Amino acid sequence: MNYYSQTYHFVPIWVLVDYLDFGDLSTLIDVVPRNLQNKIANDLTSFIIDNNPDFNDKFDPKVMTSFIKNIHETRNICAHNNRLVYFRCRSDSKFFEYLHTKYNFIPDDDRSTVYSTFISLQCFISQTEYAKLNNTIRKRTQTLDNHLASIGINSILKLLGFPDNWHLRPKIEQSE
């Protein structure tokens, strides 16, 4: 960073981003002008298409910022060892038809849950990363289910916004 500052008297955004935490990055994206949010969303559209060849729409900046806000809130709950059970983000993420309809969400559904945040990660991480995350959570949920005696796993899944028996769904194939 010093190199750019001393040599060019400014620091390019791609260098600066490496020094921002997720909260700073979230705030930065939220406060930049709309035309810059559009450019970021367009770049993410390319990323989504690379990971989901059947996607042929645009990633709206309002959807993008709503996803980022909820990912940030959920990340903070996890980072500070707070309880995810009963947790709800402060606001619903915007309805993203391409993604939400794949998971049987309709526009009026609650999209402030951990599950909704979890599926929105597909817009920001690769298919392989998402598959690894999904399969890890699925396996740990199965392990938890095997050790529970006083409460059913579906009760816990429901408190996180996940569908019943989510952990019994097939594993997502992941490439290395």
N, C-alpha and C. Protein backbone atom coordinates (compact mmCIF):
# COMPACT_ATOMS: atom_id res chain seq x y z
N MET A 1 0.83 -1.17 0.00
CA MET A 1 0.00 0.00 0.00
C MET A 1 0.89 1.25 0.00
N ASN A 2 1.96 1.22 0.77
CA ASN A 2 2.87 2.37 0.80
C ASN A 2 3.46 2.65 -0.57
N TYR A 3 3.76 1.60 -1.31
CA TYR A 3 4.32 1.76 -2.65
C TYR A 3 3.41 2.64 -3.51
N TYR A 4 2.12 2.28 -3.58
CA TYR A 4 1.18 3.05 -4.40
C TYR A 4 1.04 4.47 -3.88
N SER A 5 0.97 4.60 -2.58
CA SER A 5 0.81 5.92 -1.98
C SER A 5 2.00 6.82 -2.29
N GLN A 6 3.20 6.29 -2.16
CA GLN A 6 4.40 7.09 -2.38
C GLN A 6 4.70 7.29 -3.87
N THR A 7 4.46 6.26 -4.68
CA THR A 7 4.78 6.34 -6.10
C THR A 7 3.71 7.08 -6.90
N TYR A 8 2.44 6.79 -6.63
CA TYR A 8 1.35 7.34 -7.44
C TYR A 8 0.47 8.34 -6.68
N HIS A 9 0.69 8.47 -5.39
CA HIS A 9 -0.07 9.39 -4.53
C HIS A 9 -1.55 9.00 -4.39
N PHE A 10 -1.84 7.74 -4.62
CA PHE A 10 -3.17 7.20 -4.36
C PHE A 10 -3.05 5.68 -4.23
N VAL A 11 -4.04 5.09 -3.64
CA VAL A 11 -4.05 3.64 -3.47
C VAL A 11 -5.24 3.09 -4.26
N PRO A 12 -4.98 2.21 -5.24
CA PRO A 12 -6.09 1.64 -6.03
C PRO A 12 -7.02 0.81 -5.14
N ILE A 13 -8.26 0.77 -5.53
CA ILE A 13 -9.27 0.06 -4.72
C ILE A 13 -8.92 -1.41 -4.55
N TRP A 14 -8.37 -2.07 -5.59
CA TRP A 14 -8.05 -3.49 -5.47
C TRP A 14 -6.94 -3.75 -4.46
N VAL A 15 -6.14 -2.76 -4.17
CA VAL A 15 -5.13 -2.90 -3.12
C VAL A 15 -5.77 -2.61 -1.76
N LEU A 16 -6.57 -1.57 -1.71
CA LEU A 16 -7.23 -1.16 -0.47
C LEU A 16 -8.15 -2.25 0.09
N VAL A 17 -8.85 -2.95 -0.79
CA VAL A 17 -9.81 -3.97 -0.37
C VAL A 17 -9.15 -5.05 0.49
N ASP A 18 -7.89 -5.34 0.23
CA ASP A 18 -7.18 -6.35 1.03
C ASP A 18 -7.00 -5.92 2.49
N TYR A 19 -7.15 -4.65 2.76
CA TYR A 19 -6.95 -4.12 4.11
C TYR A 19 -8.26 -3.83 4.84
N LEU A 20 -9.37 -4.06 4.18
CA LEU A 20 -10.68 -3.79 4.78
C LEU A 20 -11.24 -5.06 5.41
N ASP A 21 -11.91 -4.92 6.54
CA ASP A 21 -12.64 -6.08 7.06
C ASP A 21 -14.00 -6.12 6.37
N PHE A 22 -14.74 -7.18 6.61
CA PHE A 22 -16.00 -7.37 5.89
C PHE A 22 -16.99 -6.24 6.17
N GLY A 23 -17.03 -5.77 7.40
CA GLY A 23 -17.93 -4.67 7.75
C GLY A 23 -17.59 -3.40 7.00
N ASP A 24 -16.28 -3.08 6.91
CA ASP A 24 -15.86 -1.90 6.16
C ASP A 24 -16.21 -2.04 4.68
N LEU A 25 -15.98 -3.21 4.14
CA LEU A 25 -16.29 -3.45 2.73
C LEU A 25 -17.80 -3.33 2.49
N SER A 26 -18.59 -3.88 3.38
CA SER A 26 -20.05 -3.79 3.28
C SER A 26 -20.50 -2.33 3.31
N THR A 27 -19.96 -1.55 4.23
CA THR A 27 -20.32 -0.14 4.33
C THR A 27 -19.87 0.62 3.08
N LEU A 28 -18.68 0.32 2.61
CA LEU A 28 -18.16 0.98 1.41
C LEU A 28 -19.08 0.74 0.22
N ILE A 29 -19.48 -0.50 0.01
CA ILE A 29 -20.36 -0.83 -1.11
C ILE A 29 -21.71 -0.14 -0.93
N ASP A 30 -22.18 -0.05 0.30
CA ASP A 30 -23.48 0.56 0.56
C ASP A 30 -23.49 2.07 0.30
N VAL A 31 -22.35 2.74 0.50
CA VAL A 31 -22.34 4.20 0.38
C VAL A 31 -21.80 4.73 -0.94
N VAL A 32 -21.23 3.87 -1.78
CA VAL A 32 -20.72 4.36 -3.07
C VAL A 32 -21.91 4.75 -3.94
N PRO A 33 -21.68 5.63 -4.91
CA PRO A 33 -22.77 6.05 -5.80
C PRO A 33 -23.40 4.86 -6.53
N ARG A 34 -24.64 5.04 -6.90
CA ARG A 34 -25.42 3.98 -7.55
C ARG A 34 -24.74 3.44 -8.80
N ASN A 35 -24.11 4.33 -9.59
CA ASN A 35 -23.46 3.85 -10.82
C ASN A 35 -22.30 2.91 -10.51
N LEU A 36 -21.61 3.12 -9.40
CA LEU A 36 -20.53 2.21 -9.00
C LEU A 36 -21.11 0.90 -8.46
N GLN A 37 -22.20 0.99 -7.73
CA GLN A 37 -22.88 -0.24 -7.28
C GLN A 37 -23.31 -1.06 -8.50
N ASN A 38 -23.78 -0.38 -9.54
CA ASN A 38 -24.16 -1.08 -10.77
C ASN A 38 -22.97 -1.81 -11.39
N LYS A 39 -21.81 -1.17 -11.39
CA LYS A 39 -20.61 -1.80 -11.94
C LYS A 39 -20.21 -3.03 -11.12
N ILE A 40 -20.29 -2.91 -9.80
CA ILE A 40 -19.95 -4.04 -8.93
C ILE A 40 -20.94 -5.18 -9.18
N ALA A 41 -22.22 -4.85 -9.24
CA ALA A 41 -23.25 -5.88 -9.50
C ALA A 41 -23.05 -6.52 -10.87
N ASN A 42 -22.65 -5.73 -11.87
CA ASN A 42 -22.37 -6.31 -13.21
C ASN A 42 -21.20 -7.27 -13.16
N ASP A 43 -20.15 -6.92 -12.41
CA ASP A 43 -19.02 -7.84 -12.24
C ASP A 43 -19.47 -9.13 -11.56
N LEU A 44 -20.33 -8.98 -10.56
CA LEU A 44 -20.85 -10.17 -9.87
C LEU A 44 -21.77 -10.98 -10.78
N THR A 45 -22.46 -10.31 -11.70
CA THR A 45 -23.30 -11.03 -12.67
C THR A 45 -22.42 -11.99 -13.47
N SER A 46 -21.26 -11.52 -13.91
CA SER A 46 -20.33 -12.38 -14.65
C SER A 46 -19.89 -13.56 -13.79
N PHE A 47 -19.61 -13.30 -12.52
CA PHE A 47 -19.21 -14.36 -11.59
C PHE A 47 -20.34 -15.38 -11.43
N ILE A 48 -21.57 -14.90 -11.28
CA ILE A 48 -22.72 -15.80 -11.11
C ILE A 48 -22.90 -16.65 -12.36
N ILE A 49 -22.77 -16.04 -13.53
CA ILE A 49 -22.90 -16.79 -14.78
C ILE A 49 -21.81 -17.85 -14.89
N ASP A 50 -20.58 -17.51 -14.52
CA ASP A 50 -19.49 -18.49 -14.55
C ASP A 50 -19.79 -19.70 -13.67
N ASN A 51 -20.47 -19.47 -12.56
CA ASN A 51 -20.77 -20.55 -11.61
C ASN A 51 -22.14 -21.18 -11.83
N ASN A 52 -22.98 -20.52 -12.60
CA ASN A 52 -24.35 -21.00 -12.87
C ASN A 52 -24.68 -20.69 -14.33
N PRO A 53 -24.22 -21.52 -15.26
CA PRO A 53 -24.39 -21.23 -16.69
C PRO A 53 -25.84 -21.01 -17.13
N ASP A 54 -26.80 -21.51 -16.34
CA ASP A 54 -28.20 -21.31 -16.72
C ASP A 54 -28.74 -19.94 -16.31
N PHE A 55 -27.95 -19.16 -15.59
CA PHE A 55 -28.37 -17.81 -15.19
C PHE A 55 -28.18 -16.87 -16.37
N ASN A 56 -29.22 -16.13 -16.73
CA ASN A 56 -29.13 -15.23 -17.88
C ASN A 56 -29.80 -13.89 -17.60
N ASP A 57 -29.67 -13.43 -16.40
CA ASP A 57 -30.30 -12.18 -16.00
C ASP A 57 -29.24 -11.24 -15.46
N LYS A 58 -29.65 -10.19 -14.78
CA LYS A 58 -28.72 -9.27 -14.13
C LYS A 58 -28.86 -9.41 -12.63
N PHE A 59 -27.78 -9.11 -11.93
CA PHE A 59 -27.77 -9.11 -10.46
C PHE A 59 -28.00 -7.67 -10.04
N ASP A 60 -29.19 -7.39 -9.56
CA ASP A 60 -29.58 -6.03 -9.20
C ASP A 60 -28.76 -5.53 -8.00
N PRO A 61 -28.26 -4.30 -8.04
CA PRO A 61 -27.48 -3.77 -6.92
C PRO A 61 -28.25 -3.76 -5.59
N LYS A 62 -29.56 -3.57 -5.63
CA LYS A 62 -30.36 -3.59 -4.39
C LYS A 62 -30.37 -4.99 -3.78
N VAL A 63 -30.44 -6.00 -4.64
CA VAL A 63 -30.37 -7.38 -4.17
C VAL A 63 -28.99 -7.65 -3.59
N MET A 64 -27.97 -7.22 -4.34
CA MET A 64 -26.58 -7.43 -3.90
C MET A 64 -26.35 -6.82 -2.52
N THR A 65 -26.72 -5.56 -2.34
CA THR A 65 -26.47 -4.90 -1.05
C THR A 65 -27.29 -5.53 0.07
N SER A 66 -28.50 -5.99 -0.23
CA SER A 66 -29.30 -6.64 0.82
C SER A 66 -28.67 -7.97 1.22
N PHE A 67 -28.13 -8.71 0.25
CA PHE A 67 -27.44 -9.96 0.56
C PHE A 67 -26.20 -9.69 1.42
N ILE A 68 -25.43 -8.69 1.00
CA ILE A 68 -24.19 -8.38 1.73
C ILE A 68 -24.50 -7.96 3.17
N LYS A 69 -25.54 -7.17 3.37
CA LYS A 69 -25.91 -6.75 4.74
C LYS A 69 -26.25 -7.96 5.60
N ASN A 70 -27.03 -8.89 5.06
CA ASN A 70 -27.42 -10.06 5.85
C ASN A 70 -26.25 -11.02 6.06
N ILE A 71 -25.38 -11.15 5.07
CA ILE A 71 -24.18 -11.97 5.25
C ILE A 71 -23.31 -11.35 6.34
N HIS A 72 -23.18 -10.05 6.32
CA HIS A 72 -22.38 -9.34 7.34
C HIS A 72 -22.97 -9.56 8.73
N GLU A 73 -24.28 -9.41 8.88
CA GLU A 73 -24.92 -9.63 10.19
C GLU A 73 -24.71 -11.06 10.68
N THR A 74 -24.92 -12.01 9.80
CA THR A 74 -24.78 -13.42 10.17
C THR A 74 -23.32 -13.74 10.49
N ARG A 75 -22.42 -13.20 9.72
CA ARG A 75 -20.98 -13.38 9.98
C ARG A 75 -20.62 -12.85 11.37
N ASN A 76 -21.15 -11.69 11.73
CA ASN A 76 -20.84 -11.10 13.03
C ASN A 76 -21.38 -11.96 14.18
N ILE A 77 -22.55 -12.53 14.01
CA ILE A 77 -23.10 -13.42 15.04
C ILE A 77 -22.14 -14.59 15.25
N CYS A 78 -21.69 -15.18 14.15
CA CYS A 78 -20.77 -16.33 14.24
C CYS A 78 -19.41 -15.91 14.81
N ALA A 79 -18.88 -14.79 14.35
CA ALA A 79 -17.54 -14.36 14.77
C ALA A 79 -17.47 -14.02 16.25
N HIS A 80 -18.60 -13.61 16.81
CA HIS A 80 -18.61 -13.22 18.22
C HIS A 80 -19.23 -14.30 19.11
N ASN A 81 -19.30 -15.52 18.56
CA ASN A 81 -19.79 -16.68 19.31
C ASN A 81 -21.18 -16.47 19.91
N ASN A 82 -22.00 -15.74 19.19
CA ASN A 82 -23.38 -15.57 19.63
C ASN A 82 -24.22 -16.71 19.08
N ARG A 83 -25.44 -16.76 19.50
CA ARG A 83 -26.34 -17.87 19.18
C ARG A 83 -27.05 -17.64 17.85
N LEU A 84 -26.93 -18.59 16.93
CA LEU A 84 -27.64 -18.52 15.65
C LEU A 84 -29.10 -18.94 15.78
N VAL A 85 -29.37 -19.81 16.74
CA VAL A 85 -30.76 -20.25 16.95
C VAL A 85 -31.59 -19.02 17.33
N TYR A 86 -32.71 -18.85 16.70
CA TYR A 86 -33.62 -17.71 16.85
C TYR A 86 -33.09 -16.44 16.20
N PHE A 87 -31.91 -16.46 15.62
CA PHE A 87 -31.36 -15.25 15.00
C PHE A 87 -32.11 -14.92 13.72
N ARG A 88 -32.40 -13.65 13.54
CA ARG A 88 -32.97 -13.11 12.31
C ARG A 88 -32.20 -11.84 11.97
N CYS A 89 -31.87 -11.69 10.71
CA CYS A 89 -31.25 -10.44 10.27
C CYS A 89 -32.27 -9.32 10.44
N ARG A 90 -31.78 -8.10 10.52
CA ARG A 90 -32.68 -6.96 10.75
C ARG A 90 -33.67 -6.76 9.62
N SER A 91 -33.31 -7.17 8.41
CA SER A 91 -34.25 -7.01 7.30
C SER A 91 -34.17 -8.21 6.36
N ASP A 92 -35.25 -8.40 5.64
CA ASP A 92 -35.27 -9.44 4.61
C ASP A 92 -34.30 -9.06 3.50
N SER A 93 -33.63 -10.04 2.95
CA SER A 93 -32.88 -9.76 1.73
C SER A 93 -33.92 -9.60 0.61
N LYS A 94 -33.54 -8.90 -0.41
CA LYS A 94 -34.45 -8.71 -1.55
C LYS A 94 -34.65 -10.06 -2.24
N PHE A 95 -35.83 -10.22 -2.83
CA PHE A 95 -36.14 -11.45 -3.55
C PHE A 95 -35.34 -11.49 -4.84
N PHE A 96 -34.58 -12.56 -5.03
CA PHE A 96 -33.78 -12.78 -6.24
C PHE A 96 -34.34 -14.03 -6.89
N GLU A 97 -35.19 -13.83 -7.87
CA GLU A 97 -35.98 -14.92 -8.43
C GLU A 97 -35.13 -16.12 -8.83
N TYR A 98 -34.03 -15.88 -9.52
CA TYR A 98 -33.20 -16.99 -9.99
C TYR A 98 -32.79 -17.91 -8.84
N LEU A 99 -32.34 -17.32 -7.77
CA LEU A 99 -31.84 -18.11 -6.64
C LEU A 99 -32.97 -18.60 -5.74
N HIS A 100 -33.86 -17.72 -5.37
CA HIS A 100 -34.88 -18.08 -4.38
C HIS A 100 -35.88 -19.11 -4.88
N THR A 101 -36.24 -19.05 -6.15
CA THR A 101 -37.21 -20.04 -6.65
C THR A 101 -36.60 -21.45 -6.68
N LYS A 102 -35.26 -21.53 -6.86
CA LYS A 102 -34.60 -22.85 -6.81
C LYS A 102 -34.78 -23.50 -5.44
N TYR A 103 -34.98 -22.69 -4.42
CA TYR A 103 -35.10 -23.19 -3.05
C TYR A 103 -36.52 -23.02 -2.51
N ASN A 104 -37.46 -22.91 -3.42
CA ASN A 104 -38.89 -22.85 -3.10
C ASN A 104 -39.30 -21.65 -2.26
N PHE A 105 -38.58 -20.55 -2.39
CA PHE A 105 -39.00 -19.30 -1.77
C PHE A 105 -39.97 -18.60 -2.71
N ILE A 106 -40.95 -17.94 -2.15
CA ILE A 106 -41.82 -17.07 -2.92
C ILE A 106 -41.58 -15.64 -2.42
N PRO A 107 -41.98 -14.63 -3.19
CA PRO A 107 -41.66 -13.25 -2.79
C PRO A 107 -42.09 -12.86 -1.38
N ASP A 108 -43.16 -13.44 -0.86
CA ASP A 108 -43.64 -13.06 0.48
C ASP A 108 -42.95 -13.81 1.62
N ASP A 109 -42.09 -14.77 1.31
CA ASP A 109 -41.41 -15.54 2.36
C ASP A 109 -40.41 -14.69 3.13
N ASP A 110 -40.16 -15.11 4.36
CA ASP A 110 -39.15 -14.49 5.21
C ASP A 110 -37.77 -14.82 4.66
N ARG A 111 -36.98 -13.79 4.37
CA ARG A 111 -35.62 -14.00 3.87
C ARG A 111 -34.61 -13.33 4.80
N SER A 112 -34.90 -13.39 6.10
CA SER A 112 -33.99 -12.84 7.10
C SER A 112 -33.34 -13.95 7.93
N THR A 113 -33.49 -15.18 7.50
CA THR A 113 -33.02 -16.33 8.27
C THR A 113 -31.58 -16.70 7.92
N VAL A 114 -31.00 -17.53 8.74
CA VAL A 114 -29.67 -18.06 8.48
C VAL A 114 -29.67 -18.83 7.16
N TYR A 115 -30.72 -19.61 6.92
CA TYR A 115 -30.80 -20.38 5.67
C TYR A 115 -30.82 -19.47 4.45
N SER A 116 -31.60 -18.42 4.49
CA SER A 116 -31.66 -17.50 3.37
C SER A 116 -30.29 -16.87 3.13
N THR A 117 -29.61 -16.50 4.20
CA THR A 117 -28.26 -15.93 4.08
C THR A 117 -27.31 -16.98 3.50
N PHE A 118 -27.44 -18.21 3.97
CA PHE A 118 -26.61 -19.31 3.50
C PHE A 118 -26.75 -19.50 1.99
N ILE A 119 -27.97 -19.52 1.48
CA ILE A 119 -28.13 -19.74 0.03
C ILE A 119 -27.67 -18.53 -0.77
N SER A 120 -27.74 -17.32 -0.18
CA SER A 120 -27.29 -16.14 -0.92
C SER A 120 -25.78 -16.13 -1.13
N LEU A 121 -25.05 -16.90 -0.35
CA LEU A 121 -23.60 -16.98 -0.52
C LEU A 121 -23.21 -17.47 -1.91
N GLN A 122 -24.12 -18.15 -2.59
CA GLN A 122 -23.82 -18.67 -3.93
C GLN A 122 -23.51 -17.55 -4.92
N CYS A 123 -23.90 -16.33 -4.59
CA CYS A 123 -23.64 -15.19 -5.48
C CYS A 123 -22.24 -14.61 -5.26
N PHE A 124 -21.54 -15.08 -4.23
CA PHE A 124 -20.27 -14.47 -3.86
C PHE A 124 -19.10 -15.44 -3.75
N ILE A 125 -19.38 -16.74 -3.70
CA ILE A 125 -18.31 -17.73 -3.62
C ILE A 125 -18.50 -18.74 -4.75
N SER A 126 -17.43 -19.41 -5.10
CA SER A 126 -17.47 -20.34 -6.23
C SER A 126 -18.36 -21.55 -5.92
N GLN A 127 -18.71 -22.27 -6.96
CA GLN A 127 -19.50 -23.50 -6.79
C GLN A 127 -18.78 -24.48 -5.87
N THR A 128 -17.48 -24.60 -6.04
CA THR A 128 -16.71 -25.53 -5.21
C THR A 128 -16.72 -25.10 -3.75
N GLU A 129 -16.51 -23.82 -3.50
CA GLU A 129 -16.53 -23.32 -2.12
C GLU A 129 -17.91 -23.52 -1.49
N TYR A 130 -18.96 -23.24 -2.27
CA TYR A 130 -20.31 -23.41 -1.75
C TYR A 130 -20.60 -24.88 -1.48
N ALA A 131 -20.19 -25.75 -2.38
CA ALA A 131 -20.41 -27.19 -2.19
C ALA A 131 -19.72 -27.68 -0.93
N LYS A 132 -18.47 -27.24 -0.71
CA LYS A 132 -17.74 -27.65 0.49
C LYS A 132 -18.45 -27.15 1.75
N LEU A 133 -18.89 -25.91 1.72
CA LEU A 133 -19.61 -25.35 2.88
C LEU A 133 -20.91 -26.11 3.11
N ASN A 134 -21.69 -26.30 2.07
CA ASN A 134 -22.95 -27.03 2.17
C ASN A 134 -22.73 -28.44 2.73
N ASN A 135 -21.78 -29.14 2.17
CA ASN A 135 -21.54 -30.53 2.57
C ASN A 135 -21.01 -30.63 4.00
N THR A 136 -20.21 -29.65 4.40
CA THR A 136 -19.70 -29.63 5.77
C THR A 136 -20.83 -29.40 6.76
N ILE A 137 -21.68 -28.42 6.48
CA ILE A 137 -22.81 -28.14 7.38
C ILE A 137 -23.76 -29.33 7.40
N ARG A 138 -24.00 -29.91 6.24
CA ARG A 138 -24.89 -31.08 6.14
C ARG A 138 -24.36 -32.23 7.00
N LYS A 139 -23.05 -32.50 6.89
CA LYS A 139 -22.45 -33.60 7.64
C LYS A 139 -22.49 -33.32 9.15
N ARG A 140 -22.21 -32.11 9.53
CA ARG A 140 -22.24 -31.76 10.96
C ARG A 140 -23.67 -31.80 11.51
N THR A 141 -24.63 -31.46 10.68
CA THR A 141 -26.03 -31.56 11.10
C THR A 141 -26.42 -33.01 11.30
N GLN A 142 -25.96 -33.89 10.41
CA GLN A 142 -26.22 -35.33 10.56
C GLN A 142 -25.58 -35.86 11.84
N THR A 143 -24.35 -35.42 12.12
CA THR A 143 -23.67 -35.84 13.34
C THR A 143 -24.43 -35.36 14.57
N LEU A 144 -24.86 -34.12 14.54
CA LEU A 144 -25.65 -33.58 15.66
C LEU A 144 -26.93 -34.38 15.83
N ASP A 145 -27.58 -34.69 14.72
CA ASP A 145 -28.83 -35.46 14.77
C ASP A 145 -28.61 -36.81 15.45
N ASN A 146 -27.47 -37.43 15.19
CA ASN A 146 -27.16 -38.73 15.80
C ASN A 146 -26.91 -38.65 17.30
N HIS A 147 -26.61 -37.45 17.81
CA HIS A 147 -26.31 -37.28 19.23
C HIS A 147 -27.43 -36.62 20.02
N LEU A 148 -28.48 -36.19 19.35
CA LEU A 148 -29.58 -35.53 20.05
C LEU A 148 -30.54 -36.56 20.64
N ALA A 149 -30.97 -36.29 21.86
CA ALA A 149 -31.96 -37.18 22.47
C ALA A 149 -33.20 -36.40 22.89
N SER A 150 -33.03 -35.15 23.28
CA SER A 150 -34.13 -34.40 23.87
C SER A 150 -34.93 -33.57 22.88
N ILE A 151 -34.39 -33.35 21.69
CA ILE A 151 -35.06 -32.51 20.69
C ILE A 151 -34.73 -33.06 19.31
N GLY A 152 -35.65 -32.94 18.40
CA GLY A 152 -35.42 -33.41 17.04
C GLY A 152 -34.62 -32.39 16.24
N ILE A 153 -33.84 -32.87 15.31
CA ILE A 153 -33.00 -31.98 14.50
C ILE A 153 -33.85 -31.02 13.68
N ASN A 154 -35.05 -31.44 13.26
CA ASN A 154 -35.89 -30.54 12.47
C ASN A 154 -36.34 -29.32 13.27
N SER A 155 -36.44 -29.47 14.59
CA SER A 155 -36.77 -28.31 15.43
C SER A 155 -35.66 -27.27 15.37
N ILE A 156 -34.43 -27.74 15.37
CA ILE A 156 -33.29 -26.83 15.28
C ILE A 156 -33.18 -26.24 13.88
N LEU A 157 -33.33 -27.08 12.86
CA LEU A 157 -33.29 -26.59 11.49
C LEU A 157 -34.34 -25.50 11.27
N LYS A 158 -35.53 -25.71 11.79
CA LYS A 158 -36.61 -24.74 11.63
C LYS A 158 -36.25 -23.40 12.27
N LEU A 159 -35.59 -23.44 13.43
CA LEU A 159 -35.19 -22.20 14.11
C LEU A 159 -34.13 -21.43 13.32
N LEU A 160 -33.43 -22.11 12.43
CA LEU A 160 -32.43 -21.47 11.57
C LEU A 160 -32.99 -21.12 10.19
N GLY A 161 -34.25 -21.51 9.96
CA GLY A 161 -34.89 -21.22 8.68
C GLY A 161 -34.71 -22.29 7.63
N PHE A 162 -34.02 -23.38 7.97
CA PHE A 162 -33.78 -24.47 7.02
C PHE A 162 -35.04 -25.32 6.87
N PRO A 163 -35.24 -25.93 5.71
CA PRO A 163 -36.38 -26.84 5.54
C PRO A 163 -36.19 -28.11 6.36
N ASP A 164 -37.31 -28.76 6.67
CA ASP A 164 -37.25 -30.05 7.37
C ASP A 164 -36.38 -31.03 6.58
N ASN A 165 -35.62 -31.81 7.32
CA ASN A 165 -34.77 -32.87 6.75
C ASN A 165 -33.76 -32.36 5.73
N TRP A 166 -33.38 -31.10 5.85
CA TRP A 166 -32.39 -30.53 4.93
C TRP A 166 -31.11 -31.36 4.92
N HIS A 167 -30.72 -31.84 6.06
CA HIS A 167 -29.48 -32.60 6.19
C HIS A 167 -29.52 -33.95 5.47
N LEU A 168 -30.70 -34.39 5.06
CA LEU A 168 -30.83 -35.66 4.35
C LEU A 168 -30.80 -35.49 2.84
N ARG A 169 -30.73 -34.25 2.39
CA ARG A 169 -30.65 -34.01 0.95
C ARG A 169 -29.31 -34.52 0.43
N PRO A 170 -29.26 -34.79 -0.86
CA PRO A 170 -28.00 -35.32 -1.42
C PRO A 170 -26.86 -34.31 -1.29
N LYS A 171 -25.70 -34.85 -1.18
CA LYS A 171 -24.48 -34.06 -1.14
C LYS A 171 -24.32 -33.33 -2.47
N ILE A 172 -23.76 -32.13 -2.43
CA ILE A 172 -23.47 -31.40 -3.67
C ILE A 172 -22.09 -31.84 -4.14
N GLU A 173 -22.01 -32.24 -5.41
CA GLU A 173 -20.73 -32.66 -5.96
C GLU A 173 -19.78 -31.47 -5.96
N GLN A 174 -18.56 -31.71 -5.55
CA GLN A 174 -17.58 -30.64 -5.51
C GLN A 174 -16.31 -31.05 -6.24
N SER A 175 -15.82 -30.12 -7.04
CA SER A 175 -14.54 -30.38 -7.71
C SER A 175 -13.44 -29.85 -6.84
N GLU A 176 -12.28 -30.35 -7.03
CA GLU A 176 -11.14 -29.93 -6.18
C GLU A 176 -10.48 -28.71 -6.71
